[in-house]
Amino acid sequence: MNLSEYKKLAEQKSKEHKKFLEGLKKKTPKNLDYIVEEIHEEVFEEIDCLSCANCCKTTGPLYTEKDIERIAKHLRMKVADFEAKFLRTDEDGDKVLQNLPCYFLNEDNTCSIYEVRPKACREYPHTDRKKIYQINNLMVKNTIICPAAYTWVEKMMKRLKN
């Protein structure tokens, strides 16, 4: 399935996905964190991020001060120079990339700063997070960007249907 097909499906199912995730919040299964982790592992055995990298092409991560310091050091740049070259402050006051796709995305969809990438990139698409129901809105948004997030929600729905 190609990316635009995933996006179309995810948009069509976003209400259904949102309702399912909200249901997890209202009535949390006892072993939810375990199931979340299990499905996460399953999904990433099937889906290869390097064949997609849509997240790096279409969305910019939030950069924390620690991220900025670590990456600037890795690139042998001063923090101020790194920020001036790559980042801007968004409407929420967060530091984000000036431009997309991500400057650090290589042509083969690998990341040139993978070892020191931002926390937001390391955690994306958050499909292995504890207390997953705390990020329902974010997860629904992620299904539209990320085939792995979409597949994760679909598998969770199948696994937990009553």
N, C-alpha and C. Protein backbone atom coordinates (compact mmCIF):
# COMPACT_ATOMS: atom_id res chain seq x y z
N MET A 1 0.86 -1.19 0.00
CA MET A 1 0.00 0.00 0.00
C MET A 1 0.90 1.24 0.00
N ASN A 2 0.57 2.21 -0.82
CA ASN A 2 1.40 3.41 -0.85
C ASN A 2 0.93 4.44 0.17
N LEU A 3 1.74 5.47 0.32
CA LEU A 3 1.51 6.48 1.36
C LEU A 3 0.19 7.21 1.21
N SER A 4 -0.17 7.56 -0.02
CA SER A 4 -1.44 8.30 -0.19
C SER A 4 -2.64 7.41 0.12
N GLU A 5 -2.52 6.10 -0.15
CA GLU A 5 -3.60 5.17 0.22
C GLU A 5 -3.73 5.08 1.74
N TYR A 6 -2.59 5.00 2.44
CA TYR A 6 -2.62 4.99 3.91
C TYR A 6 -3.28 6.24 4.44
N LYS A 7 -2.87 7.38 3.88
CA LYS A 7 -3.40 8.66 4.35
C LYS A 7 -4.91 8.73 4.16
N LYS A 8 -5.37 8.31 2.99
CA LYS A 8 -6.80 8.33 2.68
C LYS A 8 -7.57 7.44 3.66
N LEU A 9 -7.07 6.22 3.86
CA LEU A 9 -7.69 5.28 4.79
C LEU A 9 -7.71 5.85 6.21
N ALA A 10 -6.58 6.40 6.62
CA ALA A 10 -6.47 6.96 7.98
C ALA A 10 -7.45 8.12 8.18
N GLU A 11 -7.59 8.95 7.16
CA GLU A 11 -8.54 10.06 7.25
C GLU A 11 -9.97 9.54 7.34
N GLN A 12 -10.27 8.51 6.53
CA GLN A 12 -11.62 7.93 6.57
C GLN A 12 -11.92 7.30 7.92
N LYS A 13 -10.91 6.73 8.54
CA LYS A 13 -11.11 6.00 9.79
C LYS A 13 -10.79 6.82 11.03
N SER A 14 -10.45 8.09 10.88
CA SER A 14 -9.99 8.88 12.02
C SER A 14 -11.03 8.96 13.15
N LYS A 15 -12.31 9.08 12.80
CA LYS A 15 -13.35 9.11 13.84
C LYS A 15 -13.42 7.78 14.59
N GLU A 16 -13.34 6.69 13.83
CA GLU A 16 -13.37 5.35 14.42
C GLU A 16 -12.14 5.13 15.31
N HIS A 17 -10.98 5.56 14.84
CA HIS A 17 -9.75 5.44 15.63
C HIS A 17 -9.84 6.26 16.91
N LYS A 18 -10.33 7.48 16.78
CA LYS A 18 -10.45 8.36 17.94
C LYS A 18 -11.39 7.74 18.98
N LYS A 19 -12.51 7.22 18.52
CA LYS A 19 -13.49 6.60 19.42
C LYS A 19 -12.87 5.40 20.14
N PHE A 20 -12.12 4.57 19.40
CA PHE A 20 -11.45 3.41 19.99
C PHE A 20 -10.45 3.85 21.06
N LEU A 21 -9.61 4.82 20.74
CA LEU A 21 -8.58 5.28 21.69
C LEU A 21 -9.22 5.92 22.92
N GLU A 22 -10.30 6.66 22.72
CA GLU A 22 -11.01 7.25 23.87
C GLU A 22 -11.60 6.17 24.76
N GLY A 23 -12.04 5.08 24.13
CA GLY A 23 -12.56 3.94 24.89
C GLY A 23 -11.51 3.33 25.80
N LEU A 24 -10.25 3.34 25.35
CA LEU A 24 -9.14 2.83 26.18
C LEU A 24 -8.96 3.68 27.43
N LYS A 25 -9.25 4.96 27.27
CA LYS A 25 -9.10 5.88 28.41
C LYS A 25 -10.22 5.64 29.42
N LYS A 26 -11.43 5.44 28.91
CA LYS A 26 -12.59 5.23 29.79
C LYS A 26 -12.54 3.88 30.50
N LYS A 27 -12.13 2.85 29.74
CA LYS A 27 -12.10 1.50 30.30
C LYS A 27 -10.77 0.86 29.91
N THR A 28 -9.76 1.10 30.71
CA THR A 28 -8.41 0.66 30.40
C THR A 28 -8.24 -0.83 30.72
N PRO A 29 -7.89 -1.63 29.70
CA PRO A 29 -7.60 -3.04 29.98
C PRO A 29 -6.44 -3.16 30.98
N LYS A 30 -6.49 -4.18 31.82
CA LYS A 30 -5.47 -4.37 32.87
C LYS A 30 -4.06 -4.40 32.31
N ASN A 31 -3.87 -5.13 31.24
CA ASN A 31 -2.52 -5.32 30.70
C ASN A 31 -2.25 -4.46 29.46
N LEU A 32 -2.82 -3.27 29.41
CA LEU A 32 -2.73 -2.42 28.22
C LEU A 32 -1.28 -2.14 27.81
N ASP A 33 -0.43 -1.75 28.75
CA ASP A 33 0.95 -1.41 28.40
C ASP A 33 1.65 -2.60 27.74
N TYR A 34 1.38 -3.79 28.21
CA TYR A 34 1.97 -5.00 27.64
C TYR A 34 1.47 -5.22 26.21
N ILE A 35 0.16 -5.06 26.00
CA ILE A 35 -0.43 -5.24 24.67
C ILE A 35 0.13 -4.19 23.70
N VAL A 36 0.23 -2.95 24.18
CA VAL A 36 0.76 -1.85 23.37
C VAL A 36 2.17 -2.22 22.88
N GLU A 37 3.01 -2.67 23.78
CA GLU A 37 4.39 -3.03 23.44
C GLU A 37 4.42 -4.21 22.45
N GLU A 38 3.58 -5.20 22.69
CA GLU A 38 3.52 -6.39 21.83
C GLU A 38 3.12 -6.01 20.40
N ILE A 39 2.10 -5.20 20.28
CA ILE A 39 1.61 -4.77 18.95
C ILE A 39 2.68 -3.88 18.29
N HIS A 40 3.32 -3.02 19.06
CA HIS A 40 4.39 -2.17 18.55
C HIS A 40 5.48 -3.04 17.89
N GLU A 41 5.91 -4.07 18.61
CA GLU A 41 6.95 -4.97 18.09
C GLU A 41 6.49 -5.64 16.79
N GLU A 42 5.26 -6.09 16.79
CA GLU A 42 4.67 -6.76 15.62
C GLU A 42 4.67 -5.83 14.41
N VAL A 43 4.22 -4.60 14.62
CA VAL A 43 4.11 -3.62 13.54
C VAL A 43 5.49 -3.33 12.93
N PHE A 44 6.49 -3.17 13.79
CA PHE A 44 7.80 -2.80 13.26
C PHE A 44 8.58 -3.99 12.71
N GLU A 45 8.03 -5.19 12.84
CA GLU A 45 8.58 -6.33 12.10
C GLU A 45 8.06 -6.29 10.66
N GLU A 46 6.90 -5.68 10.47
CA GLU A 46 6.27 -5.59 9.15
C GLU A 46 6.65 -4.32 8.39
N ILE A 47 6.82 -3.23 9.10
CA ILE A 47 6.99 -1.93 8.45
C ILE A 47 8.42 -1.42 8.65
N ASP A 48 9.02 -1.00 7.55
CA ASP A 48 10.38 -0.48 7.56
C ASP A 48 10.32 1.03 7.37
N CYS A 49 10.70 1.75 8.39
CA CYS A 49 10.65 3.21 8.35
C CYS A 49 11.50 3.79 7.20
N LEU A 50 12.57 3.11 6.86
CA LEU A 50 13.45 3.62 5.80
C LEU A 50 12.81 3.56 4.42
N SER A 51 11.73 2.81 4.28
CA SER A 51 11.02 2.78 3.00
C SER A 51 10.03 3.93 2.90
N CYS A 52 9.87 4.69 3.95
CA CYS A 52 8.84 5.73 4.02
C CYS A 52 9.44 7.10 4.39
N ALA A 53 9.80 7.26 5.65
CA ALA A 53 10.33 8.51 6.20
C ALA A 53 9.38 9.70 6.02
N ASN A 54 8.08 9.40 5.92
CA ASN A 54 7.12 10.48 5.74
C ASN A 54 7.15 11.47 6.90
N CYS A 55 7.40 10.98 8.11
CA CYS A 55 7.48 11.87 9.27
C CYS A 55 8.57 12.92 9.07
N CYS A 56 9.72 12.50 8.55
CA CYS A 56 10.85 13.41 8.34
C CYS A 56 10.60 14.37 7.18
N LYS A 57 9.73 13.96 6.28
CA LYS A 57 9.45 14.77 5.09
C LYS A 57 8.35 15.79 5.34
N THR A 58 7.43 15.47 6.27
CA THR A 58 6.22 16.31 6.40
C THR A 58 6.02 16.97 7.75
N THR A 59 6.70 16.48 8.79
CA THR A 59 6.49 17.06 10.13
C THR A 59 7.84 17.30 10.79
N GLY A 60 7.92 18.37 11.50
CA GLY A 60 9.17 18.66 12.20
C GLY A 60 9.03 18.36 13.68
N PRO A 61 10.06 17.77 14.26
CA PRO A 61 10.00 17.50 15.70
C PRO A 61 10.22 18.77 16.51
N LEU A 62 9.80 18.70 17.74
CA LEU A 62 10.11 19.75 18.70
C LEU A 62 11.54 19.48 19.19
N TYR A 63 12.36 20.51 19.26
CA TYR A 63 13.73 20.38 19.74
C TYR A 63 13.81 20.93 21.16
N THR A 64 14.19 20.08 22.11
CA THR A 64 14.39 20.53 23.49
C THR A 64 15.77 21.18 23.60
N GLU A 65 16.01 21.88 24.69
CA GLU A 65 17.33 22.48 24.90
C GLU A 65 18.42 21.40 24.90
N LYS A 66 18.12 20.26 25.54
CA LYS A 66 19.09 19.15 25.55
C LYS A 66 19.37 18.65 24.14
N ASP A 67 18.32 18.52 23.33
CA ASP A 67 18.49 18.10 21.94
C ASP A 67 19.42 19.06 21.21
N ILE A 68 19.13 20.34 21.35
CA ILE A 68 19.89 21.38 20.65
C ILE A 68 21.37 21.32 21.05
N GLU A 69 21.62 21.24 22.35
CA GLU A 69 23.01 21.20 22.83
C GLU A 69 23.73 19.95 22.30
N ARG A 70 23.05 18.79 22.37
CA ARG A 70 23.66 17.53 21.95
C ARG A 70 23.97 17.55 20.45
N ILE A 71 23.02 18.01 19.65
CA ILE A 71 23.19 17.99 18.20
C ILE A 71 24.23 19.03 17.78
N ALA A 72 24.17 20.21 18.37
CA ALA A 72 25.15 21.25 18.05
C ALA A 72 26.57 20.75 18.35
N LYS A 73 26.73 20.11 19.50
CA LYS A 73 28.05 19.57 19.86
C LYS A 73 28.49 18.52 18.83
N HIS A 74 27.58 17.64 18.46
CA HIS A 74 27.86 16.60 17.48
C HIS A 74 28.31 17.21 16.14
N LEU A 75 27.68 18.30 15.76
CA LEU A 75 27.99 18.98 14.49
C LEU A 75 29.16 19.97 14.64
N ARG A 76 29.70 20.05 15.86
CA ARG A 76 30.79 20.98 16.18
C ARG A 76 30.39 22.42 15.85
N MET A 77 29.18 22.77 16.31
CA MET A 77 28.65 24.13 16.10
C MET A 77 28.33 24.74 17.45
N LYS A 78 28.31 26.05 17.49
CA LYS A 78 27.81 26.74 18.68
C LYS A 78 26.29 26.60 18.67
N VAL A 79 25.71 26.52 19.86
CA VAL A 79 24.26 26.38 19.98
C VAL A 79 23.54 27.49 19.20
N ALA A 80 24.00 28.73 19.37
CA ALA A 80 23.35 29.87 18.70
C ALA A 80 23.43 29.72 17.18
N ASP A 81 24.54 29.23 16.67
CA ASP A 81 24.69 29.04 15.22
C ASP A 81 23.78 27.93 14.72
N PHE A 82 23.70 26.84 15.50
CA PHE A 82 22.80 25.73 15.13
C PHE A 82 21.36 26.23 15.05
N GLU A 83 20.95 26.95 16.09
CA GLU A 83 19.57 27.46 16.11
C GLU A 83 19.31 28.40 14.94
N ALA A 84 20.26 29.30 14.67
CA ALA A 84 20.08 30.27 13.58
C ALA A 84 20.00 29.57 12.23
N LYS A 85 20.78 28.52 12.05
CA LYS A 85 20.83 27.83 10.76
C LYS A 85 19.62 26.91 10.52
N PHE A 86 19.15 26.21 11.58
CA PHE A 86 18.16 25.15 11.38
C PHE A 86 16.80 25.38 12.02
N LEU A 87 16.71 26.18 13.07
CA LEU A 87 15.48 26.23 13.86
C LEU A 87 14.78 27.58 13.80
N ARG A 88 13.52 27.53 14.16
CA ARG A 88 12.70 28.74 14.37
C ARG A 88 11.83 28.48 15.58
N THR A 89 11.25 29.53 16.13
CA THR A 89 10.33 29.38 17.24
C THR A 89 8.92 29.46 16.68
N ASP A 90 8.11 28.44 16.97
CA ASP A 90 6.75 28.40 16.42
C ASP A 90 5.78 29.20 17.29
N GLU A 91 4.50 29.16 16.92
CA GLU A 91 3.46 29.94 17.60
C GLU A 91 3.26 29.52 19.06
N ASP A 92 3.69 28.29 19.41
CA ASP A 92 3.59 27.82 20.80
C ASP A 92 4.86 28.12 21.61
N GLY A 93 5.83 28.76 20.96
CA GLY A 93 7.08 29.05 21.64
C GLY A 93 8.06 27.89 21.62
N ASP A 94 7.77 26.86 20.81
CA ASP A 94 8.65 25.69 20.71
C ASP A 94 9.67 25.90 19.60
N LYS A 95 10.83 25.29 19.79
CA LYS A 95 11.86 25.33 18.75
C LYS A 95 11.62 24.17 17.79
N VAL A 96 11.46 24.52 16.52
CA VAL A 96 11.18 23.52 15.47
C VAL A 96 12.04 23.84 14.24
N LEU A 97 12.05 22.92 13.30
CA LEU A 97 12.82 23.13 12.07
C LEU A 97 12.29 24.32 11.28
N GLN A 98 13.20 25.02 10.63
CA GLN A 98 12.80 26.13 9.76
C GLN A 98 12.10 25.61 8.51
N ASN A 99 12.59 24.49 8.00
CA ASN A 99 12.09 23.97 6.72
C ASN A 99 11.88 22.47 6.77
N LEU A 100 10.99 22.00 5.91
CA LEU A 100 10.79 20.56 5.70
C LEU A 100 11.00 20.28 4.22
N PRO A 101 11.42 19.09 3.84
CA PRO A 101 11.74 17.97 4.72
C PRO A 101 12.91 18.30 5.64
N CYS A 102 13.10 17.46 6.63
CA CYS A 102 14.17 17.67 7.60
C CYS A 102 15.52 17.77 6.90
N TYR A 103 16.28 18.73 7.30
CA TYR A 103 17.61 18.98 6.74
C TYR A 103 18.52 17.75 6.90
N PHE A 104 18.31 16.97 7.95
CA PHE A 104 19.18 15.85 8.28
C PHE A 104 18.76 14.54 7.61
N LEU A 105 17.68 14.57 6.82
CA LEU A 105 17.21 13.39 6.10
C LEU A 105 18.05 13.19 4.84
N ASN A 106 18.68 12.03 4.74
CA ASN A 106 19.49 11.70 3.56
C ASN A 106 18.59 11.18 2.44
N GLU A 107 19.14 11.12 1.22
CA GLU A 107 18.35 10.66 0.07
C GLU A 107 17.84 9.24 0.23
N ASP A 108 18.56 8.41 0.98
CA ASP A 108 18.13 7.02 1.18
C ASP A 108 17.22 6.86 2.41
N ASN A 109 16.69 7.98 2.89
CA ASN A 109 15.77 8.04 4.04
C ASN A 109 16.45 7.74 5.39
N THR A 110 17.77 7.67 5.41
CA THR A 110 18.46 7.56 6.69
C THR A 110 18.64 8.96 7.26
N CYS A 111 19.03 9.01 8.51
CA CYS A 111 19.19 10.29 9.21
C CYS A 111 20.68 10.54 9.45
N SER A 112 21.15 11.71 9.06
CA SER A 112 22.57 12.01 9.21
C SER A 112 22.98 12.26 10.65
N ILE A 113 22.00 12.46 11.54
CA ILE A 113 22.32 12.66 12.97
C ILE A 113 21.59 11.62 13.83
N TYR A 114 21.36 10.44 13.27
CA TYR A 114 20.56 9.41 13.92
C TYR A 114 20.97 9.14 15.37
N GLU A 115 22.26 9.03 15.62
CA GLU A 115 22.75 8.70 16.98
C GLU A 115 22.41 9.80 18.00
N VAL A 116 22.24 11.02 17.54
CA VAL A 116 21.98 12.15 18.45
C VAL A 116 20.65 12.84 18.13
N ARG A 117 19.78 12.17 17.37
CA ARG A 117 18.53 12.78 16.93
C ARG A 117 17.69 13.27 18.12
N PRO A 118 16.77 14.20 17.85
CA PRO A 118 15.91 14.73 18.93
C PRO A 118 15.08 13.63 19.60
N LYS A 119 14.74 13.88 20.85
CA LYS A 119 13.91 12.96 21.64
C LYS A 119 12.60 12.66 20.90
N ALA A 120 12.01 13.69 20.32
CA ALA A 120 10.74 13.52 19.60
C ALA A 120 10.89 12.52 18.45
N CYS A 121 12.03 12.52 17.78
CA CYS A 121 12.28 11.57 16.69
C CYS A 121 12.48 10.17 17.24
N ARG A 122 13.20 10.06 18.36
CA ARG A 122 13.45 8.74 18.96
C ARG A 122 12.14 8.08 19.38
N GLU A 123 11.19 8.87 19.85
CA GLU A 123 9.94 8.33 20.39
C GLU A 123 8.84 8.14 19.33
N TYR A 124 8.96 8.80 18.20
CA TYR A 124 7.94 8.74 17.16
C TYR A 124 7.81 7.32 16.61
N PRO A 125 6.63 6.81 16.33
CA PRO A 125 5.30 7.43 16.40
C PRO A 125 4.56 7.19 17.72
N HIS A 126 5.30 6.92 18.78
CA HIS A 126 4.76 6.79 20.15
C HIS A 126 3.91 5.54 20.34
N THR A 127 4.08 4.55 19.50
CA THR A 127 3.27 3.34 19.59
C THR A 127 3.75 2.36 20.64
N ASP A 128 4.77 2.73 21.39
CA ASP A 128 5.23 1.86 22.49
C ASP A 128 5.17 2.59 23.82
N ARG A 129 4.40 3.64 23.85
CA ARG A 129 4.32 4.49 25.04
C ARG A 129 3.44 3.86 26.13
N LYS A 130 3.86 4.01 27.37
CA LYS A 130 3.03 3.59 28.50
C LYS A 130 1.85 4.57 28.60
N LYS A 131 0.73 4.08 29.12
CA LYS A 131 -0.49 4.91 29.25
C LYS A 131 -0.80 5.61 27.92
N ILE A 132 -0.88 4.83 26.88
CA ILE A 132 -1.07 5.32 25.51
C ILE A 132 -2.29 6.23 25.39
N TYR A 133 -3.31 6.00 26.20
CA TYR A 133 -4.55 6.78 26.12
C TYR A 133 -4.32 8.26 26.48
N GLN A 134 -3.15 8.60 27.00
CA GLN A 134 -2.88 10.01 27.33
C GLN A 134 -2.56 10.85 26.09
N ILE A 135 -2.32 10.19 24.96
CA ILE A 135 -1.96 10.92 23.74
C ILE A 135 -2.91 10.59 22.58
N ASN A 136 -4.18 10.41 22.87
CA ASN A 136 -5.14 10.01 21.84
C ASN A 136 -5.16 10.93 20.62
N ASN A 137 -5.23 12.24 20.83
CA ASN A 137 -5.30 13.17 19.70
C ASN A 137 -4.04 13.10 18.84
N LEU A 138 -2.90 13.01 19.51
CA LEU A 138 -1.63 12.89 18.80
C LEU A 138 -1.58 11.59 18.00
N MET A 139 -2.06 10.51 18.58
CA MET A 139 -2.03 9.22 17.90
C MET A 139 -2.90 9.25 16.64
N VAL A 140 -4.07 9.87 16.73
CA VAL A 140 -4.94 9.97 15.56
C VAL A 140 -4.24 10.78 14.46
N LYS A 141 -3.59 11.88 14.83
CA LYS A 141 -2.82 12.67 13.86
C LYS A 141 -1.70 11.83 13.25
N ASN A 142 -1.02 11.06 14.08
CA ASN A 142 0.09 10.24 13.60
C ASN A 142 -0.34 9.17 12.59
N THR A 143 -1.58 8.66 12.73
CA THR A 143 -2.05 7.64 11.78
C THR A 143 -2.14 8.19 10.36
N ILE A 144 -2.33 9.48 10.24
CA ILE A 144 -2.45 10.12 8.93
C ILE A 144 -1.07 10.34 8.30
N ILE A 145 -0.05 10.45 9.14
CA ILE A 145 1.33 10.67 8.68
C ILE A 145 2.09 9.36 8.52
N CYS A 146 1.85 8.43 9.44
CA CYS A 146 2.72 7.26 9.60
C CYS A 146 1.98 5.94 9.39
N PRO A 147 2.36 5.16 8.37
CA PRO A 147 1.73 3.85 8.16
C PRO A 147 1.87 2.93 9.38
N ALA A 148 2.95 3.03 10.12
CA ALA A 148 3.13 2.19 11.31
C ALA A 148 2.11 2.56 12.39
N ALA A 149 1.86 3.84 12.59
CA ALA A 149 0.87 4.27 13.58
C ALA A 149 -0.53 3.80 13.17
N TYR A 150 -0.83 3.95 11.88
CA TYR A 150 -2.12 3.49 11.37
C TYR A 150 -2.28 1.98 11.60
N THR A 151 -1.27 1.22 11.22
CA THR A 151 -1.31 -0.23 11.37
C THR A 151 -1.42 -0.62 12.84
N TRP A 152 -0.72 0.11 13.70
CA TRP A 152 -0.75 -0.15 15.14
C TRP A 152 -2.18 0.00 15.68
N VAL A 153 -2.84 1.11 15.33
CA VAL A 153 -4.22 1.33 15.81
C VAL A 153 -5.14 0.24 15.29
N GLU A 154 -5.00 -0.11 14.01
CA GLU A 154 -5.84 -1.16 13.44
C GLU A 154 -5.64 -2.50 14.17
N LYS A 155 -4.40 -2.85 14.45
CA LYS A 155 -4.11 -4.11 15.15
C LYS A 155 -4.62 -4.06 16.60
N MET A 156 -4.50 -2.91 17.23
CA MET A 156 -5.02 -2.75 18.60
C MET A 156 -6.52 -2.95 18.61
N MET A 157 -7.20 -2.39 17.61
CA MET A 157 -8.66 -2.52 17.53
C MET A 157 -9.06 -3.98 17.38
N LYS A 158 -8.36 -4.71 16.52
CA LYS A 158 -8.65 -6.13 16.32
C LYS A 158 -8.39 -6.91 17.60
N ARG A 159 -7.28 -6.62 18.24
CA ARG A 159 -6.87 -7.36 19.44
C ARG A 159 -7.82 -7.11 20.61
N LEU A 160 -8.31 -5.89 20.75
CA LEU A 160 -9.10 -5.53 21.92
C LEU A 160 -10.60 -5.46 21.68
N LYS A 161 -11.03 -5.85 20.46
CA LYS A 161 -12.50 -5.78 20.22
C LYS A 161 -13.20 -6.75 21.16
N ASN A 162 -14.37 -6.33 21.58
CA ASN A 162 -15.10 -7.14 22.58
C ASN A 162 -15.87 -8.27 21.95
